[in-house]
Amino acid sequence: MIVYHKHSTIDKTKWDLCIEQAQNSLIYGYSWYLDILAPGWEALVLGDYKAVMPLTCNKKGLFSYLYQPFFTQQLGLFYTHHYDKGRLIEFLTAIPSHFRFIDINLNEGNELMHTDYVLHKRKNLVLDLNHTYTKLHKEFDNHCKRNLKKAKKSTQTVEAIDAEMAVAFYQKHKGNNTANVLPKHYNNFKAVLAVALQKNMLYCRGVFNEHNELIACGIFLIHNGRIIYMMGGASGKGRDARSMYALFDHLITQFCNHPILLDFEGSEIPGIARFYKGFGAEKRPYFKLKLNRLPWFMRWLK
C-alpha cells in the first residue's frame, strides 16, 4: 500500500536506509539533502519503506504544487526491489490531487510506458571509470585529445580547494549564465556541501596557473559508485588554457580502475554536451514530467 506522508510523519531513518539500499540510489534522495534544498518536502511510501518517492512541494497563493529543486537533477521513485520498479504509475496516481501543478524530474531508473503526464526526455551523460586510463583515453574523441594537448602545454596544476572558494569562483565567472539561481540557492547548496564534506562525499578541485591563480574549478559529490559533477567552470584564462579538460582528465586518472561512474549531470546545451561526450561518455536519459491541474483561467501562470 502506498501512503502519503506529510513531512512530520516521515521516518527519516527508514527513508535514508531505503535510499541507501535502493537499486537506483542517488544522493539527491537523502533526507538531509532534501531538508536543505526543499524544506517541508513530503512523500509517498510503499509498505515499510520498500520504495519511496519524495514530493518536493511549495505553495503559490491558494494552490500547492510540486517542483524540481535547484541542485537535484533527478528524484522520482526509489526502490529496493526490482519488482517495485514497475509501480511508478501507481506512485504517480497516488500523488494527492491538491497538488494542482506538477513539474518534476524522475530518475534514470524510472520507466514510463503510458501516462497522462506530459513527458520530456532529458539528457544525461555518464562515463564508466572501471577501466585502465589507457583504455579510457582511447575513447576520447579527437577534439578532446587536441584540447588536452593544448592544456598540457600550459603550466597548470590541479589541487584540492575549499568548496566556498569554488562556489564563489563559479558565481563570479558563470553566475550571469544562471540568473534564475538566486543567492539563497547558492547558500543552500553550500549547506549541502558542508554536510557532504562531513560525510566524506565531497570532491572539490581547482586548477591553478603558473601565478597560483585559480582559473577553473569543479565540485563533485561522491555516493554509491557515482561521482556527480555538480558545478564548475573556467575564467577567461582557464578557457584559453583548456583548464576544464585538464580538470576532468585529472579526475579520470584519479578514479580509473574503480567501479564508479562519472556523472556529468547533463547537458541540454549542445556545446557542453559535446564537451562531455568528448571524454567517451554515454547517454543515460531521464524524464521531466509535467501535469497542469490548475483552473483553465489560471493555466497561463505556469
C-alpha atoms as a PDB file:
ATOM      1  CA  MET A   1       0.000   0.000   0.000  1.00  0.00           C
ATOM      2  CA  ILE A   2       1.296   3.443  -0.942  1.00  0.00           C
ATOM      3  CA  VAL A   3       0.843   6.013   1.834  1.00  0.00           C
ATOM      4  CA  TYR A   4       1.074   9.797   1.552  1.00  0.00           C
ATOM      5  CA  HIS A   5       3.149  11.356   4.333  1.00  0.00           C
ATOM      6  CA  LYS A   6       3.333  14.928   5.471  1.00  0.00           C
ATOM      7  CA  HIS A   7       6.861  15.985   6.371  1.00  0.00           C
ATOM      8  CA  SER A   8       6.320  15.482  10.099  1.00  0.00           C
ATOM      9  CA  THR A   9       5.333  11.816   9.729  1.00  0.00           C
ATOM     10  CA  ILE A  10       8.272  10.688   7.579  1.00  0.00           C
ATOM     11  CA  ASP A  11      10.574   8.237   9.370  1.00  0.00           C
ATOM     12  CA  LYS A  12      13.858   9.644   8.125  1.00  0.00           C
ATOM     13  CA  THR A  13      15.936   6.751   9.439  1.00  0.00           C
ATOM     14  CA  LYS A  14      13.909   4.281   7.384  1.00  0.00           C
ATOM     15  CA  TRP A  15      13.796   6.729   4.494  1.00  0.00           C
ATOM     16  CA  ASP A  16      17.569   7.061   4.311  1.00  0.00           C
ATOM     17  CA  LEU A  17      18.014   3.302   4.624  1.00  0.00           C
ATOM     18  CA  CYS A  18      15.719   2.888   1.624  1.00  0.00           C
ATOM     19  CA  ILE A  19      17.714   5.440  -0.377  1.00  0.00           C
ATOM     20  CA  GLU A  20      20.981   3.785   0.658  1.00  0.00           C
ATOM     21  CA  GLN A  21      19.783   0.324  -0.401  1.00  0.00           C
ATOM     22  CA  ALA A  22      17.813   1.412  -3.466  1.00  0.00           C
ATOM     23  CA  GLN A  23      18.752  -0.194  -6.760  1.00  0.00           C
ATOM     24  CA  ASN A  24      18.614   3.270  -8.301  1.00  0.00           C
ATOM     25  CA  SER A  25      20.075   5.148  -5.330  1.00  0.00           C
ATOM     26  CA  LEU A  26      21.057   8.785  -5.859  1.00  0.00           C
ATOM     27  CA  ILE A  27      22.439  11.263  -3.349  1.00  0.00           C
ATOM     28  CA  TYR A  28      19.639  13.736  -4.133  1.00  0.00           C
ATOM     29  CA  GLY A  29      17.126  11.453  -2.392  1.00  0.00           C
ATOM     30  CA  TYR A  30      18.572  11.511   1.134  1.00  0.00           C
ATOM     31  CA  SER A  31      16.515  13.260   3.781  1.00  0.00           C
ATOM     32  CA  TRP A  32      19.361  15.595   4.767  1.00  0.00           C
ATOM     33  CA  TYR A  33      19.789  16.663   1.150  1.00  0.00           C
ATOM     34  CA  LEU A  34      16.075  17.323   0.699  1.00  0.00           C
ATOM     35  CA  ASP A  35      15.770  19.068   4.076  1.00  0.00           C
ATOM     36  CA  ILE A  36      18.243  21.698   2.902  1.00  0.00           C
ATOM     37  CA  LEU A  37      17.086  22.188  -0.683  1.00  0.00           C
ATOM     38  CA  ALA A  38      13.352  21.502  -0.343  1.00  0.00           C
ATOM     39  CA  PRO A  39      12.366  22.194   3.276  1.00  0.00           C
ATOM     40  CA  GLY A  40       8.993  20.757   4.218  1.00  0.00           C
ATOM     41  CA  TRP A  41       9.113  18.102   1.492  1.00  0.00           C
ATOM     42  CA  GLU A  42       6.508  15.366   1.695  1.00  0.00           C
ATOM     43  CA  ALA A  43       6.486  11.790   0.447  1.00  0.00           C
ATOM     44  CA  LEU A  44       4.823   8.687  -0.891  1.00  0.00           C
ATOM     45  CA  VAL A  45       5.932   5.474   0.822  1.00  0.00           C
ATOM     46  CA  LEU A  46       5.307   1.842  -0.094  1.00  0.00           C
ATOM     47  CA  GLY A  47       4.923  -0.546   2.839  1.00  0.00           C
ATOM     48  CA  ASP A  48       7.714  -0.342   5.393  1.00  0.00           C
ATOM     49  CA  TYR A  49       9.787   1.994   3.204  1.00  0.00           C
ATOM     50  CA  LYS A  50      10.423  -0.595   0.476  1.00  0.00           C
ATOM     51  CA  ALA A  51      10.020   2.124  -2.150  1.00  0.00           C
ATOM     52  CA  VAL A  52       9.717   5.878  -1.728  1.00  0.00           C
ATOM     53  CA  MET A  53       9.059   8.999  -3.762  1.00  0.00           C
ATOM     54  CA  PRO A  54       9.820  12.482  -2.408  1.00  0.00           C
ATOM     55  CA  LEU A  55       7.262  15.183  -3.098  1.00  0.00           C
ATOM     56  CA  THR A  56       9.127  18.483  -3.212  1.00  0.00           C
ATOM     57  CA  CYS A  57       6.287  20.902  -2.703  1.00  0.00           C
ATOM     58  CA  ASN A  58       5.519  24.561  -2.317  1.00  0.00           C
ATOM     59  CA  LYS A  59       2.533  26.874  -2.400  1.00  0.00           C
ATOM     60  CA  LYS A  60       1.641  29.885  -4.523  1.00  0.00           C
ATOM     61  CA  GLY A  61      -1.459  31.706  -3.384  1.00  0.00           C
ATOM     62  CA  LEU A  62      -4.182  29.111  -2.852  1.00  0.00           C
ATOM     63  CA  PHE A  63      -2.500  26.387  -4.894  1.00  0.00           C
ATOM     64  CA  SER A  64       0.038  23.755  -3.894  1.00  0.00           C
ATOM     65  CA  TYR A  65       2.459  22.457  -6.495  1.00  0.00           C
ATOM     66  CA  LEU A  66       5.401  20.099  -6.959  1.00  0.00           C
ATOM     67  CA  TYR A  67       8.665  21.429  -8.328  1.00  0.00           C
ATOM     68  CA  GLN A  68      12.238  20.322  -9.004  1.00  0.00           C
ATOM     69  CA  PRO A  69      14.600  21.987  -6.514  1.00  0.00           C
ATOM     70  CA  PHE A  70      17.849  23.510  -7.702  1.00  0.00           C
ATOM     71  CA  PHE A  71      20.826  21.124  -7.476  1.00  0.00           C
ATOM     72  CA  THR A  72      18.648  17.998  -7.582  1.00  0.00           C
ATOM     73  CA  GLN A  73      18.846  16.754 -11.137  1.00  0.00           C
ATOM     74  CA  GLN A  74      16.832  13.573 -10.591  1.00  0.00           C
ATOM     75  CA  LEU A  75      14.317  12.436  -7.966  1.00  0.00           C
ATOM     76  CA  GLY A  76      11.235  10.306  -8.656  1.00  0.00           C
ATOM     77  CA  LEU A  77      10.699   6.745  -7.410  1.00  0.00           C
ATOM     78  CA  PHE A  78      13.443   4.925  -5.499  1.00  0.00           C
ATOM     79  CA  TYR A  79      13.019   1.180  -4.937  1.00  0.00           C
ATOM     80  CA  THR A  80      14.930  -1.506  -3.053  1.00  0.00           C
ATOM     81  CA  HIS A  81      13.447  -4.425  -5.025  1.00  0.00           C
ATOM     82  CA  HIS A  82      13.499  -4.691  -8.798  1.00  0.00           C
ATOM     83  CA  TYR A  83       9.863  -5.782  -8.966  1.00  0.00           C
ATOM     84  CA  ASP A  84       8.772  -2.440  -7.461  1.00  0.00           C
ATOM     85  CA  LYS A  85      10.320  -0.662 -10.449  1.00  0.00           C
ATOM     86  CA  GLY A  86       7.058  -1.189 -12.322  1.00  0.00           C
ATOM     87  CA  ARG A  87       4.952   0.584  -9.695  1.00  0.00           C
ATOM     88  CA  LEU A  88       5.783   4.048 -10.942  1.00  0.00           C
ATOM     89  CA  ILE A  89       2.297   4.626 -12.372  1.00  0.00           C
ATOM     90  CA  GLU A  90       0.803   3.633  -9.001  1.00  0.00           C
ATOM     91  CA  PHE A  91       3.002   6.192  -7.276  1.00  0.00           C
ATOM     92  CA  LEU A  92       2.116   8.918  -9.747  1.00  0.00           C
ATOM     93  CA  THR A  93      -1.572   8.119  -9.349  1.00  0.00           C
ATOM     94  CA  ALA A  94      -1.144   8.373  -5.567  1.00  0.00           C
ATOM     95  CA  ILE A  95       0.085  11.981  -5.736  1.00  0.00           C
ATOM     96  CA  PRO A  96      -2.629  13.910  -3.867  1.00  0.00           C
ATOM     97  CA  SER A  97      -4.971  15.942  -6.043  1.00  0.00           C
ATOM     98  CA  HIS A  98      -4.376  19.122  -4.049  1.00  0.00           C
ATOM     99  CA  PHE A  99      -1.080  19.454  -5.927  1.00  0.00           C
ATOM    100  CA  ARG A 100      -2.563  21.362  -8.838  1.00  0.00           C
ATOM    101  CA  PHE A 101       0.613  21.775 -10.856  1.00  0.00           C
ATOM    102  CA  ILE A 102       3.438  19.253 -11.171  1.00  0.00           C
ATOM    103  CA  ASP A 103       6.813  19.866 -12.799  1.00  0.00           C
ATOM    104  CA  ILE A 104       9.378  17.327 -11.592  1.00  0.00           C
ATOM    105  CA  ASN A 105      12.206  15.134 -12.834  1.00  0.00           C
ATOM    106  CA  LEU A 106      12.144  11.378 -12.458  1.00  0.00           C
ATOM    107  CA  ASN A 107      15.381   9.378 -12.399  1.00  0.00           C
ATOM    108  CA  GLU A 108      17.120   7.155 -14.913  1.00  0.00           C
ATOM    109  CA  GLY A 109      15.734   4.063 -13.181  1.00  0.00           C
ATOM    110  CA  ASN A 110      12.126   5.161 -13.770  1.00  0.00           C
ATOM    111  CA  GLU A 111      10.393   3.908 -16.907  1.00  0.00           C
ATOM    112  CA  LEU A 112       7.009   5.097 -18.124  1.00  0.00           C
ATOM    113  CA  MET A 113       5.094   3.074 -20.709  1.00  0.00           C
ATOM    114  CA  HIS A 114       1.977   5.248 -20.669  1.00  0.00           C
ATOM    115  CA  THR A 115       0.783   8.212 -18.661  1.00  0.00           C
ATOM    116  CA  ASP A 116      -1.469  11.265 -18.740  1.00  0.00           C
ATOM    117  CA  TYR A 117       1.516  13.415 -17.870  1.00  0.00           C
ATOM    118  CA  VAL A 118       3.456  15.445 -20.408  1.00  0.00           C
ATOM    119  CA  LEU A 119       6.925  13.917 -20.674  1.00  0.00           C
ATOM    120  CA  HIS A 120      10.170  15.441 -21.880  1.00  0.00           C
ATOM    121  CA  LYS A 121      13.255  13.258 -22.237  1.00  0.00           C
ATOM    122  CA  ARG A 122      16.253  14.956 -20.651  1.00  0.00           C
ATOM    123  CA  LYS A 123      19.881  14.306 -21.460  1.00  0.00           C
ATOM    124  CA  ASN A 124      22.426  12.957 -19.053  1.00  0.00           C
ATOM    125  CA  LEU A 125      25.857  11.559 -19.796  1.00  0.00           C
ATOM    126  CA  VAL A 126      27.945   9.162 -17.713  1.00  0.00           C
ATOM    127  CA  LEU A 127      31.351   7.543 -18.079  1.00  0.00           C
ATOM    128  CA  ASP A 128      32.225   4.149 -16.592  1.00  0.00           C
ATOM    129  CA  LEU A 129      35.644   4.621 -14.997  1.00  0.00           C
ATOM    130  CA  ASN A 130      36.253   0.937 -14.234  1.00  0.00           C
ATOM    131  CA  HIS A 131      38.879   0.648 -16.971  1.00  0.00           C
ATOM    132  CA  THR A 132      42.546   1.500 -17.335  1.00  0.00           C
ATOM    133  CA  TYR A 133      43.353   5.091 -18.165  1.00  0.00           C
ATOM    134  CA  THR A 134      44.861   3.917 -21.453  1.00  0.00           C
ATOM    135  CA  LYS A 135      41.581   2.308 -22.484  1.00  0.00           C
ATOM    136  CA  LEU A 136      39.539   5.321 -21.381  1.00  0.00           C
ATOM    137  CA  HIS A 137      41.841   7.729 -23.208  1.00  0.00           C
ATOM    138  CA  LYS A 138      41.411   5.769 -26.442  1.00  0.00           C
ATOM    139  CA  GLU A 139      37.687   6.611 -26.312  1.00  0.00           C
ATOM    140  CA  PHE A 140      38.291  10.363 -26.080  1.00  0.00           C
ATOM    141  CA  ASP A 141      37.320  11.990 -29.366  1.00  0.00           C
ATOM    142  CA  ASN A 142      39.854  13.903 -31.465  1.00  0.00           C
ATOM    143  CA  HIS A 143      38.501  17.273 -30.342  1.00  0.00           C
ATOM    144  CA  CYS A 144      39.044  16.308 -26.705  1.00  0.00           C
ATOM    145  CA  LYS A 145      42.534  14.943 -27.359  1.00  0.00           C
ATOM    146  CA  ARG A 146      43.572  18.128 -29.178  1.00  0.00           C
ATOM    147  CA  ASN A 147      42.374  20.279 -26.294  1.00  0.00           C
ATOM    148  CA  LEU A 148      44.155  18.084 -23.756  1.00  0.00           C
ATOM    149  CA  LYS A 149      47.393  18.573 -25.684  1.00  0.00           C
ATOM    150  CA  LYS A 150      46.844  22.333 -25.540  1.00  0.00           C
ATOM    151  CA  ALA A 151      46.132  22.100 -21.803  1.00  0.00           C
ATOM    152  CA  LYS A 152      49.392  20.239 -21.204  1.00  0.00           C
ATOM    153  CA  LYS A 153      51.352  22.986 -22.954  1.00  0.00           C
ATOM    154  CA  SER A 154      50.249  25.410 -20.230  1.00  0.00           C
ATOM    155  CA  THR A 155      51.734  25.381 -16.755  1.00  0.00           C
ATOM    156  CA  GLN A 156      48.752  24.444 -14.605  1.00  0.00           C
ATOM    157  CA  THR A 157      48.151  22.198 -11.625  1.00  0.00           C
ATOM    158  CA  VAL A 158      45.030  20.572 -10.200  1.00  0.00           C
ATOM    159  CA  GLU A 159      44.660  20.803  -6.417  1.00  0.00           C
ATOM    160  CA  ALA A 160      42.056  20.280  -3.714  1.00  0.00           C
ATOM    161  CA  ILE A 161      40.252  23.509  -2.835  1.00  0.00           C
ATOM    162  CA  ASP A 162      37.636  24.682  -0.376  1.00  0.00           C
ATOM    163  CA  ALA A 163      34.023  24.411  -1.543  1.00  0.00           C
ATOM    164  CA  GLU A 164      33.295  28.009  -0.544  1.00  0.00           C
ATOM    165  CA  MET A 165      36.101  29.162  -2.835  1.00  0.00           C
ATOM    166  CA  ALA A 166      34.770  27.038  -5.680  1.00  0.00           C
ATOM    167  CA  VAL A 167      31.206  28.335  -5.346  1.00  0.00           C
ATOM    168  CA  ALA A 168      32.431  31.948  -5.177  1.00  0.00           C
ATOM    169  CA  PHE A 169      34.531  31.371  -8.307  1.00  0.00           C
ATOM    170  CA  TYR A 170      31.532  29.920 -10.117  1.00  0.00           C
ATOM    171  CA  GLN A 171      29.299  32.827  -9.117  1.00  0.00           C
ATOM    172  CA  LYS A 172      31.907  35.308 -10.347  1.00  0.00           C
ATOM    173  CA  HIS A 173      32.597  33.679 -13.699  1.00  0.00           C
ATOM    174  CA  LYS A 174      29.397  31.795 -14.529  1.00  0.00           C
ATOM    175  CA  GLY A 175      26.695  33.418 -12.418  1.00  0.00           C
ATOM    176  CA  ASN A 176      25.412  35.593 -15.239  1.00  0.00           C
ATOM    177  CA  ASN A 177      24.545  32.434 -17.180  1.00  0.00           C
ATOM    178  CA  THR A 178      22.289  31.213 -14.364  1.00  0.00           C
ATOM    179  CA  ALA A 179      20.360  34.332 -13.405  1.00  0.00           C
ATOM    180  CA  ASN A 180      17.459  32.273 -12.027  1.00  0.00           C
ATOM    181  CA  VAL A 181      19.760  30.804  -9.362  1.00  0.00           C
ATOM    182  CA  LEU A 182      19.495  33.297  -6.511  1.00  0.00           C
ATOM    183  CA  PRO A 183      21.892  33.929  -3.593  1.00  0.00           C
ATOM    184  CA  LYS A 184      19.628  31.866  -1.309  1.00  0.00           C
ATOM    185  CA  HIS A 185      20.001  28.898  -3.652  1.00  0.00           C
ATOM    186  CA  TYR A 186      23.789  29.161  -3.566  1.00  0.00           C
ATOM    187  CA  ASN A 187      23.674  29.381   0.232  1.00  0.00           C
ATOM    188  CA  ASN A 188      21.553  26.244   0.383  1.00  0.00           C
ATOM    189  CA  PHE A 189      23.955  24.472  -1.951  1.00  0.00           C
ATOM    190  CA  LYS A 190      26.894  25.451   0.257  1.00  0.00           C
ATOM    191  CA  ALA A 191      24.999  23.962   3.204  1.00  0.00           C
ATOM    192  CA  VAL A 192      24.671  20.708   1.232  1.00  0.00           C
ATOM    193  CA  LEU A 193      28.402  20.745   0.511  1.00  0.00           C
ATOM    194  CA  ALA A 194      29.185  21.288   4.205  1.00  0.00           C
ATOM    195  CA  VAL A 195      27.209  18.163   5.128  1.00  0.00           C
ATOM    196  CA  ALA A 196      28.733  16.235   2.219  1.00  0.00           C
ATOM    197  CA  LEU A 197      32.198  17.153   3.499  1.00  0.00           C
ATOM    198  CA  GLN A 198      31.330  15.759   6.941  1.00  0.00           C
ATOM    199  CA  LYS A 199      30.109  12.559   5.296  1.00  0.00           C
ATOM    200  CA  ASN A 200      33.230  12.265   3.114  1.00  0.00           C
ATOM    201  CA  MET A 201      31.117  12.676  -0.031  1.00  0.00           C
ATOM    202  CA  LEU A 202      32.729  15.860  -1.368  1.00  0.00           C
ATOM    203  CA  TYR A 203      35.410  16.068  -4.062  1.00  0.00           C
ATOM    204  CA  CYS A 204      36.357  19.637  -4.934  1.00  0.00           C
ATOM    205  CA  ARG A 205      39.245  20.573  -7.217  1.00  0.00           C
ATOM    206  CA  GLY A 206      40.697  23.757  -8.652  1.00  0.00           C
ATOM    207  CA  VAL A 207      43.101  24.424 -11.500  1.00  0.00           C
ATOM    208  CA  PHE A 208      45.866  26.956 -10.841  1.00  0.00           C
ATOM    209  CA  ASN A 209      48.152  28.628 -13.374  1.00  0.00           C
ATOM    210  CA  GLU A 210      51.858  29.429 -13.007  1.00  0.00           C
ATOM    211  CA  HIS A 211      50.955  32.545 -10.992  1.00  0.00           C
ATOM    212  CA  ASN A 212      48.991  30.425  -8.495  1.00  0.00           C
ATOM    213  CA  GLU A 213      45.771  31.991  -9.782  1.00  0.00           C
ATOM    214  CA  LEU A 214      42.603  29.911  -9.702  1.00  0.00           C
ATOM    215  CA  ILE A 215      41.426  29.627 -13.320  1.00  0.00           C
ATOM    216  CA  ALA A 216      38.960  26.716 -13.195  1.00  0.00           C
ATOM    217  CA  CYS A 217      37.186  24.527 -10.675  1.00  0.00           C
ATOM    218  CA  GLY A 218      34.830  21.609 -10.291  1.00  0.00           C
ATOM    219  CA  ILE A 219      32.590  20.490  -7.424  1.00  0.00           C
ATOM    220  CA  PHE A 220      31.646  16.811  -7.288  1.00  0.00           C
ATOM    221  CA  LEU A 221      29.603  14.660  -4.912  1.00  0.00           C
ATOM    222  CA  ILE A 222      30.516  11.009  -4.406  1.00  0.00           C
ATOM    223  CA  HIS A 223      27.937   8.402  -3.475  1.00  0.00           C
ATOM    224  CA  ASN A 224      27.171   4.764  -4.188  1.00  0.00           C
ATOM    225  CA  GLY A 225      29.621   4.242  -7.021  1.00  0.00           C
ATOM    226  CA  ARG A 226      28.893   7.576  -8.651  1.00  0.00           C
ATOM    227  CA  ILE A 227      30.825  10.847  -8.752  1.00  0.00           C
ATOM    228  CA  ILE A 228      28.486  13.629  -9.840  1.00  0.00           C
ATOM    229  CA  TYR A 229      29.673  16.871 -11.405  1.00  0.00           C
ATOM    230  CA  MET A 230      27.553  19.445  -9.596  1.00  0.00           C
ATOM    231  CA  MET A 231      29.115  22.761 -10.526  1.00  0.00           C
ATOM    232  CA  GLY A 232      32.187  24.189 -12.197  1.00  0.00           C
ATOM    233  CA  GLY A 233      33.662  26.354 -14.878  1.00  0.00           C
ATOM    234  CA  ALA A 234      36.637  28.369 -16.012  1.00  0.00           C
ATOM    235  CA  SER A 235      37.671  32.005 -16.156  1.00  0.00           C
ATOM    236  CA  GLY A 236      38.782  33.556 -19.440  1.00  0.00           C
ATOM    237  CA  LYS A 237      42.348  32.467 -18.684  1.00  0.00           C
ATOM    238  CA  GLY A 238      41.105  28.992 -17.856  1.00  0.00           C
ATOM    239  CA  ARG A 239      39.241  28.719 -21.129  1.00  0.00           C
ATOM    240  CA  ASP A 240      42.347  29.795 -23.035  1.00  0.00           C
ATOM    241  CA  ALA A 241      44.402  27.172 -21.182  1.00  0.00           C
ATOM    242  CA  ARG A 242      41.731  24.475 -21.721  1.00  0.00           C
ATOM    243  CA  SER A 243      41.713  24.018 -17.951  1.00  0.00           C
ATOM    244  CA  MET A 244      38.396  22.149 -17.752  1.00  0.00           C
ATOM    245  CA  TYR A 245      39.892  19.471 -19.982  1.00  0.00           C
ATOM    246  CA  ALA A 246      42.833  19.264 -17.583  1.00  0.00           C
ATOM    247  CA  LEU A 247      40.463  19.061 -14.612  1.00  0.00           C
ATOM    248  CA  PHE A 248      38.368  16.187 -15.946  1.00  0.00           C
ATOM    249  CA  ASP A 249      41.434  14.352 -17.229  1.00  0.00           C
ATOM    250  CA  HIS A 250      42.911  14.614 -13.729  1.00  0.00           C
ATOM    251  CA  LEU A 251      39.714  13.232 -12.197  1.00  0.00           C
ATOM    252  CA  ILE A 252      39.681  10.325 -14.645  1.00  0.00           C
ATOM    253  CA  THR A 253      43.279   9.447 -13.768  1.00  0.00           C
ATOM    254  CA  GLN A 254      42.359   9.534 -10.061  1.00  0.00           C
ATOM    255  CA  PHE A 255      39.311   7.277 -10.309  1.00  0.00           C
ATOM    256  CA  CYS A 256      40.085   4.961 -13.238  1.00  0.00           C
ATOM    257  CA  ASN A 257      40.216   1.231 -12.468  1.00  0.00           C
ATOM    258  CA  HIS A 258      37.475   1.697  -9.865  1.00  0.00           C
ATOM    259  CA  PRO A 259      33.803   0.642 -10.145  1.00  0.00           C
ATOM    260  CA  ILE A 260      32.495   4.175 -10.287  1.00  0.00           C
ATOM    261  CA  LEU A 261      30.512   6.232 -12.790  1.00  0.00           C
ATOM    262  CA  LEU A 262      31.452   9.786 -13.632  1.00  0.00           C
ATOM    263  CA  ASP A 263      28.082  11.512 -13.918  1.00  0.00           C
ATOM    264  CA  PHE A 264      28.361  14.739 -15.915  1.00  0.00           C
ATOM    265  CA  GLU A 265      24.806  15.778 -14.909  1.00  0.00           C
ATOM    266  CA  GLY A 266      23.688  16.917 -18.356  1.00  0.00           C
ATOM    267  CA  SER A 267      23.582  18.771 -20.600  1.00  0.00           C
ATOM    268  CA  GLU A 268      20.842  20.193 -22.809  1.00  0.00           C
ATOM    269  CA  ILE A 269      23.297  22.833 -24.068  1.00  0.00           C
ATOM    270  CA  PRO A 270      24.924  21.448 -27.258  1.00  0.00           C
ATOM    271  CA  GLY A 271      28.414  22.845 -26.620  1.00  0.00           C
ATOM    272  CA  ILE A 272      28.549  21.480 -23.082  1.00  0.00           C
ATOM    273  CA  ALA A 273      27.124  18.131 -24.184  1.00  0.00           C
ATOM    274  CA  ARG A 274      29.856  17.923 -26.815  1.00  0.00           C
ATOM    275  CA  PHE A 275      32.489  18.572 -24.138  1.00  0.00           C
ATOM    276  CA  TYR A 276      31.145  15.693 -22.022  1.00  0.00           C
ATOM    277  CA  LYS A 277      30.761  13.332 -24.971  1.00  0.00           C
ATOM    278  CA  GLY A 278      34.349  14.066 -25.915  1.00  0.00           C
ATOM    279  CA  PHE A 279      35.510  12.005 -22.932  1.00  0.00           C
ATOM    280  CA  GLY A 280      33.599   8.975 -24.206  1.00  0.00           C
ATOM    281  CA  ALA A 281      30.515   9.493 -22.050  1.00  0.00           C
ATOM    282  CA  GLU A 282      27.341   7.553 -22.833  1.00  0.00           C
ATOM    283  CA  LYS A 283      23.714   8.641 -22.692  1.00  0.00           C
ATOM    284  CA  ARG A 284      21.612   7.899 -19.584  1.00  0.00           C
ATOM    285  CA  PRO A 285      18.370   9.832 -20.174  1.00  0.00           C
ATOM    286  CA  TYR A 286      15.675  10.559 -17.623  1.00  0.00           C
ATOM    287  CA  PHE A 287      12.234  12.142 -17.891  1.00  0.00           C
ATOM    288  CA  LYS A 288      10.845  15.517 -16.893  1.00  0.00           C
ATOM    289  CA  LEU A 289       7.189  15.120 -16.005  1.00  0.00           C
ATOM    290  CA  LYS A 290       4.530  17.848 -16.083  1.00  0.00           C
ATOM    291  CA  LEU A 291       0.843  18.000 -15.268  1.00  0.00           C
ATOM    292  CA  ASN A 292      -1.298  21.128 -15.064  1.00  0.00           C
ATOM    293  CA  ARG A 293      -4.479  20.781 -12.996  1.00  0.00           C
ATOM    294  CA  LEU A 294      -4.924  24.488 -12.430  1.00  0.00           C
ATOM    295  CA  PRO A 295      -8.281  26.011 -13.387  1.00  0.00           C
ATOM    296  CA  TRP A 296      -8.308  26.830 -17.096  1.00  0.00           C
ATOM    297  CA  PHE A 297      -8.243  30.565 -16.474  1.00  0.00           C
ATOM    298  CA  MET A 298      -5.031  30.255 -14.416  1.00  0.00           C
ATOM    299  CA  ARG A 299      -3.001  27.866 -16.566  1.00  0.00           C
ATOM    300  CA  TRP A 300      -1.013  30.710 -18.058  1.00  0.00           C
ATOM    301  CA  LEU A 301       0.588  31.284 -14.649  1.00  0.00           C
ATOM    302  CA  LYS A 302       2.881  28.283 -15.051  1.00  0.00           C
END
